[in-house]
Amino acid sequence: MDIDLSKFFDRIDHDRVVGRLGFKIQDKRVLRLIGEILRSGTMKDGLVSPTTEGSVQGSPLSPLPSNVVLDELDKELESRGLEFCRFADDCNIFVKSQAAAERVMISITKFIEKKLKLVVNQAKSKVAQSRFVKFLGMTIVAATIAISAKSMQRAMERVKELTPRGTSVAIERTMERINLWYVGWANYYSMTQYPAQLATIEAHVRRRLRSRIVGEQKRKSHLAKKLLARGVSKRQVYNTVYKNRARWYLSHTNAVEKAFPNSWFIKTVGQKIKSDQALAHWFDVKSWIKIT
C-alpha cells in the first residue's frame, strides 16, 4: 500500500502538536517557542500572512511536527504487526496478499481520517505489488531493494542534459559537472542491491562522451587518424570508420572503445580534475564502491 496524505503539512493542527509534545516536554518555555514558530506566518511579496494551521515546508521545525503527528500512525501499524516504512508523510505498508492490502488500506484510511484528522489522497494512494510502487525513488523487486524505473529514466535524462551535442565546453569541464551530479546521485541510491543499475548509468555517460569525441573529429579521415594514434589497428579502423555509420553507433564499436577505454577516462581526464580525487574515479565501478 502506497499511502499519500493530501496537503499534509498544510493540515497539521498546532494545538494537537503542542499538546502531544507536552507529554514529553515539561519546560513550558520550549512549548511556547514551538507554538510561536508554528504560528509565525509566511511572507510573500513583503506581506506577512498568519498561519493558524499547518507547518511551512522547508522550515527547520517541519520534520518535528510531522513526526509527532504521524507517530500515532506508526504506533497503530506496529500494534497490528504490519511491516511498513515511513518518511514524513510518505508511507508504504507491506502485506502478503492483494485481499489483505485492500482490507488494511480501508481500515488505515479510516484511522488516519477519523483519529488523526488528516485526508488520504485517494488519487495518489494505491494498492499494488511492491515492484510497481516507489518509495523515495526506490522500489522492492523480489524482496530486494532497487532503484525505481522512473528514477533510472530521470537519471538518463539528466545525463543527456549534462552531455549536450554541439557544445563548446571543454570535455574536462563537462566531466566535472557530471561528477558533481553523479556522486551525489549514486550516494543517495547506494542502498540498491543491484549494482548493475549504477553500472548502466556510468556506461551511458561514457558512451555519450565517446560519441562527443567522435563528433568532434568532423571528418572520417580525422577520426581514423585519431583511432590509429590511440593504438587501434588499421584494419579495424577502416572497417569501423568508413561504413557510413552515425556517431552514436560508432561510439559503441570495438575500435572506439579500444581507443578510449574506461581506464582512459580515469588516467587522462580524471587526473585533470584534482579538486576532489574521489570524483575523478567514478568511472570505475569498483573504485566508486571503495570510495563509498
Protein backbone atom coordinates (compact mmCIF):
# COMPACT_ATOMS: atom_id res chain seq x y z
CA MET A 1 0.00 0.00 0.00
CA ASP A 2 1.33 3.38 -1.03
CA ILE A 3 -0.40 6.00 1.13
CA ASP A 4 -0.27 9.67 0.17
CA LEU A 5 -1.66 12.32 2.52
CA SER A 6 -3.33 15.30 0.87
CA LYS A 7 -1.76 18.65 1.83
CA PHE A 8 -0.32 17.03 4.94
CA PHE A 9 1.96 19.89 6.07
CA ASP A 10 -0.85 22.40 5.48
CA ARG A 11 -3.26 20.46 7.72
CA ILE A 12 -1.11 19.94 10.84
CA ASP A 13 -3.07 21.07 13.90
CA HIS A 14 -0.91 23.33 16.09
CA ASP A 15 -2.73 22.62 19.35
CA ARG A 16 -2.54 18.87 18.76
CA VAL A 17 1.22 19.03 18.13
CA VAL A 18 1.97 21.16 21.19
CA GLY A 19 -0.38 19.04 23.31
CA ARG A 20 1.38 15.80 22.37
CA LEU A 21 4.79 17.37 22.94
CA GLY A 22 3.58 18.41 26.38
CA PHE A 23 3.54 14.74 27.45
CA LYS A 24 7.32 14.62 26.99
CA ILE A 25 8.50 18.22 27.44
CA GLN A 26 7.97 19.75 30.87
CA ASP A 27 9.56 23.14 30.13
CA LYS A 28 6.67 25.43 29.13
CA ARG A 29 9.12 27.89 27.53
CA VAL A 30 10.10 25.30 24.94
CA LEU A 31 6.46 24.52 24.17
CA ARG A 32 5.70 28.24 23.86
CA LEU A 33 8.63 28.73 21.49
CA ILE A 34 7.47 25.84 19.28
CA GLY A 35 3.96 27.28 19.20
CA GLU A 36 5.26 30.72 18.23
CA ILE A 37 7.32 29.25 15.38
CA LEU A 38 4.32 27.31 14.08
CA ARG A 39 2.18 30.49 14.17
CA SER A 40 4.91 32.84 12.90
CA GLY A 41 3.27 33.17 9.48
CA THR A 42 4.68 33.35 5.98
CA MET A 43 5.89 36.28 3.89
CA LYS A 44 5.09 36.79 0.23
CA ASP A 45 5.81 39.98 -1.71
CA GLY A 46 6.63 41.73 1.55
CA LEU A 47 3.30 40.84 3.18
CA VAL A 48 3.03 38.52 6.18
CA SER A 49 0.15 36.03 6.27
CA PRO A 50 -0.73 34.36 9.59
CA THR A 51 -0.62 30.57 9.89
CA THR A 52 -3.42 29.17 12.02
CA GLU A 53 -2.70 25.59 11.00
CA GLY A 54 -0.04 23.66 9.16
CA SER A 55 3.76 23.85 9.10
CA VAL A 56 5.72 25.60 6.38
CA GLN A 57 7.62 23.08 4.24
CA GLY A 58 11.33 23.83 4.34
CA SER A 59 11.16 25.21 7.85
CA PRO A 60 13.76 23.68 10.23
CA LEU A 61 10.87 22.79 12.52
CA SER A 62 8.71 20.98 9.92
CA PRO A 63 10.15 17.46 10.43
CA LEU A 64 9.32 17.64 14.15
CA PRO A 65 5.55 18.26 13.96
CA SER A 66 5.21 15.85 11.04
CA ASN A 67 6.76 13.03 13.06
CA VAL A 68 4.83 14.00 16.21
CA VAL A 69 1.54 13.81 14.32
CA LEU A 70 2.35 10.59 12.45
CA ASP A 71 3.92 8.87 15.46
CA GLU A 72 0.37 7.77 16.27
CA LEU A 73 0.18 6.14 12.83
CA ASP A 74 3.49 4.35 13.45
CA LYS A 75 2.23 3.03 16.80
CA GLU A 76 -1.02 1.86 15.20
CA LEU A 77 0.79 -0.02 12.44
CA GLU A 78 3.20 -1.57 14.97
CA SER A 79 0.31 -2.71 17.17
CA ARG A 80 -1.18 -4.52 14.17
CA GLY A 81 2.12 -6.24 13.41
CA LEU A 82 2.38 -4.68 9.95
CA GLU A 83 5.62 -4.17 8.02
CA PHE A 84 5.96 -0.55 6.91
CA CYS A 85 8.35 2.29 6.18
CA ARG A 86 7.60 5.99 6.50
CA PHE A 87 9.42 9.22 5.73
CA ALA A 88 7.44 12.31 6.77
CA ASP A 89 4.06 11.90 5.04
CA ASP A 90 5.26 9.27 2.55
CA CYS A 91 4.34 5.80 3.83
CA ASN A 92 4.39 2.27 2.38
CA ILE A 93 2.81 -0.74 4.10
CA PHE A 94 3.61 -4.31 3.07
CA VAL A 95 1.34 -7.36 3.38
CA LYS A 96 1.25 -10.77 1.74
CA SER A 97 -1.82 -10.62 -0.49
CA GLN A 98 -3.99 -8.30 -2.54
CA ALA A 99 -7.01 -9.00 -0.35
CA ALA A 100 -5.10 -8.18 2.82
CA ALA A 101 -3.77 -4.99 1.26
CA GLU A 102 -7.23 -3.78 0.28
CA ARG A 103 -8.60 -4.59 3.73
CA VAL A 104 -5.78 -2.80 5.54
CA MET A 105 -5.99 0.18 3.20
CA ILE A 106 -9.64 0.72 4.14
CA SER A 107 -9.04 0.41 7.90
CA ILE A 108 -5.89 2.55 7.94
CA THR A 109 -7.61 5.24 5.86
CA LYS A 110 -10.39 5.39 8.44
CA PHE A 111 -7.83 5.66 11.26
CA ILE A 112 -5.95 8.49 9.52
CA GLU A 113 -9.03 10.50 8.66
CA LYS A 114 -11.05 9.98 11.86
CA LYS A 115 -8.34 9.78 14.53
CA LEU A 116 -5.60 11.98 13.06
CA LYS A 117 -7.98 14.37 11.25
CA LEU A 118 -5.92 14.14 8.05
CA VAL A 119 -7.01 13.40 4.47
CA VAL A 120 -5.77 10.48 2.37
CA ASN A 121 -5.28 11.42 -1.27
CA GLN A 122 -7.23 8.65 -2.98
CA ALA A 123 -5.96 9.63 -6.43
CA LYS A 124 -2.30 9.13 -5.48
CA SER A 125 -2.68 6.29 -2.97
CA LYS A 126 -2.82 2.78 -4.36
CA VAL A 127 -2.60 -0.95 -3.71
CA ALA A 128 -0.14 -2.80 -5.94
CA GLN A 129 2.72 -5.27 -5.99
CA SER A 130 5.81 -3.73 -4.40
CA ARG A 131 7.71 -3.61 -7.68
CA PHE A 132 5.11 -1.19 -9.04
CA VAL A 133 5.34 1.13 -6.03
CA LYS A 134 8.24 3.51 -5.43
CA PHE A 135 9.35 4.95 -2.12
CA LEU A 136 11.81 7.87 -2.12
CA GLY A 137 12.94 6.83 -5.58
CA MET A 138 13.42 3.17 -4.60
CA THR A 139 11.32 0.05 -5.10
CA ILE A 140 11.35 -3.56 -3.95
CA VAL A 141 11.82 -6.31 -6.51
CA ALA A 142 11.83 -9.96 -5.43
CA ALA A 143 12.42 -8.92 -1.80
CA THR A 144 15.46 -6.80 -2.74
CA ILE A 145 15.88 -3.03 -2.93
CA ALA A 146 16.31 -1.45 -6.35
CA ILE A 147 16.27 1.99 -7.95
CA SER A 148 12.83 2.61 -9.41
CA ALA A 149 12.31 2.70 -13.17
CA LYS A 150 11.27 6.37 -13.02
CA SER A 151 14.42 7.32 -11.11
CA MET A 152 16.56 5.49 -13.66
CA GLN A 153 14.76 7.24 -16.51
CA ARG A 154 15.26 10.64 -14.90
CA ALA A 155 18.97 9.85 -14.41
CA MET A 156 19.31 9.01 -18.11
CA GLU A 157 17.63 12.30 -19.00
CA ARG A 158 19.97 14.16 -16.66
CA VAL A 159 23.00 12.55 -18.34
CA LYS A 160 21.68 13.74 -21.69
CA GLU A 161 21.32 17.29 -20.32
CA LEU A 162 24.89 17.25 -18.99
CA THR A 163 26.37 15.94 -22.26
CA PRO A 164 24.72 18.06 -24.97
CA ARG A 165 25.74 17.88 -28.62
CA GLY A 166 27.44 20.77 -30.30
CA THR A 167 28.75 22.30 -27.09
CA SER A 168 31.93 24.35 -26.90
CA VAL A 169 32.51 23.44 -23.25
CA ALA A 170 35.76 21.54 -22.71
CA ILE A 171 35.30 17.84 -22.07
CA GLU A 172 37.11 18.19 -18.73
CA ARG A 173 34.54 20.77 -17.63
CA THR A 174 31.72 18.53 -18.82
CA MET A 175 33.08 15.64 -16.80
CA GLU A 176 33.45 17.84 -13.74
CA ARG A 177 29.78 18.80 -13.99
CA ILE A 178 28.82 15.15 -14.41
CA ASN A 179 30.87 14.20 -11.36
CA LEU A 180 29.22 16.84 -9.19
CA TRP A 181 25.81 15.42 -10.04
CA TYR A 182 26.62 11.73 -10.23
CA VAL A 183 28.48 11.29 -6.95
CA GLY A 184 25.56 12.79 -5.03
CA TRP A 185 23.03 10.78 -7.03
CA ALA A 186 24.92 7.50 -6.64
CA ASN A 187 25.44 8.03 -2.92
CA TYR A 188 21.72 8.60 -2.46
CA TYR A 189 20.88 5.38 -4.32
CA SER A 190 23.80 3.37 -2.93
CA MET A 191 21.39 1.14 -1.00
CA THR A 192 20.34 -0.55 -4.24
CA GLN A 193 21.07 -4.26 -4.22
CA TYR A 194 21.51 -4.22 -7.99
CA PRO A 195 24.96 -2.66 -8.68
CA ALA A 196 24.29 -3.16 -12.39
CA GLN A 197 21.90 -0.19 -12.20
CA LEU A 198 24.78 2.11 -11.28
CA ALA A 199 26.96 0.49 -13.93
CA THR A 200 24.24 1.17 -16.51
CA ILE A 201 24.28 4.91 -15.78
CA GLU A 202 28.09 5.01 -15.83
CA ALA A 203 28.26 3.12 -19.13
CA HIS A 204 25.72 5.51 -20.63
CA VAL A 205 27.82 8.51 -19.58
CA ARG A 206 30.94 7.01 -21.13
CA ARG A 207 29.11 6.30 -24.38
CA ARG A 208 27.78 9.86 -24.51
CA LEU A 209 31.32 11.18 -24.06
CA ARG A 210 32.75 8.82 -26.68
CA SER A 211 30.01 9.96 -29.05
CA ARG A 212 31.08 13.53 -28.43
CA ILE A 213 34.72 12.68 -29.15
CA VAL A 214 33.68 11.03 -32.42
CA GLY A 215 31.56 14.02 -33.41
CA GLU A 216 34.37 16.47 -32.71
CA GLN A 217 36.54 14.90 -35.42
CA LYS A 218 34.28 16.38 -38.14
CA ARG A 219 35.71 14.18 -40.93
CA LYS A 220 36.12 10.44 -41.19
CA SER A 221 39.79 10.84 -42.03
CA HIS A 222 40.32 12.81 -38.83
CA LEU A 223 38.57 10.12 -36.79
CA ALA A 224 40.66 7.42 -38.49
CA LYS A 225 43.89 9.25 -37.60
CA LYS A 226 42.67 9.68 -34.01
CA LEU A 227 41.94 5.99 -33.61
CA LEU A 228 45.22 4.96 -35.24
CA ALA A 229 47.11 7.26 -32.88
CA ARG A 230 45.32 5.58 -29.98
CA GLY A 231 46.64 2.16 -30.97
CA VAL A 232 43.78 0.69 -32.96
CA SER A 233 44.83 -1.45 -35.93
CA LYS A 234 44.42 -0.12 -39.48
CA ARG A 235 42.09 -2.91 -40.48
CA GLN A 236 39.79 -2.33 -37.51
CA VAL A 237 39.84 1.45 -38.01
CA TYR A 238 38.88 1.31 -41.71
CA ASN A 239 36.26 -1.39 -41.11
CA THR A 240 34.70 0.86 -38.48
CA VAL A 241 35.06 4.44 -39.70
CA TYR A 242 34.23 4.04 -43.40
CA LYS A 243 30.96 2.13 -43.05
CA ASN A 244 28.80 5.25 -43.19
CA ARG A 245 27.59 4.89 -39.63
CA ALA A 246 26.39 7.71 -37.34
CA ARG A 247 28.39 8.90 -34.35
CA TRP A 248 26.10 7.18 -31.81
CA TYR A 249 26.67 3.82 -33.49
CA LEU A 250 30.43 4.44 -33.70
CA SER A 251 30.62 5.33 -30.01
CA HIS A 252 29.79 1.72 -29.11
CA THR A 253 32.12 -0.01 -31.57
CA ASN A 254 35.14 -2.04 -30.51
CA ALA A 255 37.50 0.38 -32.25
CA VAL A 256 36.31 3.47 -30.38
CA GLU A 257 36.03 1.65 -27.05
CA LYS A 258 39.55 0.29 -27.53
CA ALA A 259 40.88 3.78 -28.29
CA PHE A 260 39.05 5.31 -25.34
CA PRO A 261 38.62 2.53 -22.77
CA ASN A 262 37.27 3.05 -19.26
CA SER A 263 40.82 3.48 -17.98
CA TRP A 264 41.33 6.41 -20.36
CA PHE A 265 38.67 8.42 -18.57
CA ILE A 266 40.42 7.78 -15.28
CA LYS A 267 44.04 8.34 -16.32
CA THR A 268 43.70 11.04 -18.97
CA VAL A 269 40.66 13.09 -17.98
CA GLY A 270 40.09 12.19 -14.36
CA GLN A 271 43.56 13.29 -13.31
CA LYS A 272 42.86 16.81 -14.54
CA ILE A 273 40.09 17.21 -12.00
CA LYS A 274 42.18 17.32 -8.84
CA SER A 275 39.85 19.35 -6.66
CA ASP A 276 38.39 16.10 -5.41
CA GLN A 277 40.27 12.89 -6.20
CA ALA A 278 37.26 10.75 -5.29
CA LEU A 279 35.19 12.38 -8.02
CA ALA A 280 37.81 11.61 -10.64
CA HIS A 281 37.44 7.84 -10.22
CA TRP A 282 33.70 7.39 -10.52
CA PHE A 283 34.12 5.83 -13.98
CA ASP A 284 35.40 2.64 -12.34
CA VAL A 285 32.52 0.93 -10.54
CA LYS A 286 34.86 -0.88 -8.15
CA SER A 287 36.66 2.36 -7.30
CA TRP A 288 33.34 4.03 -6.60
CA ILE A 289 32.30 1.20 -4.29
CA LYS A 290 35.56 1.53 -2.37
CA ILE A 291 35.05 5.27 -2.00
CA THR A 292 31.58 4.95 -0.59
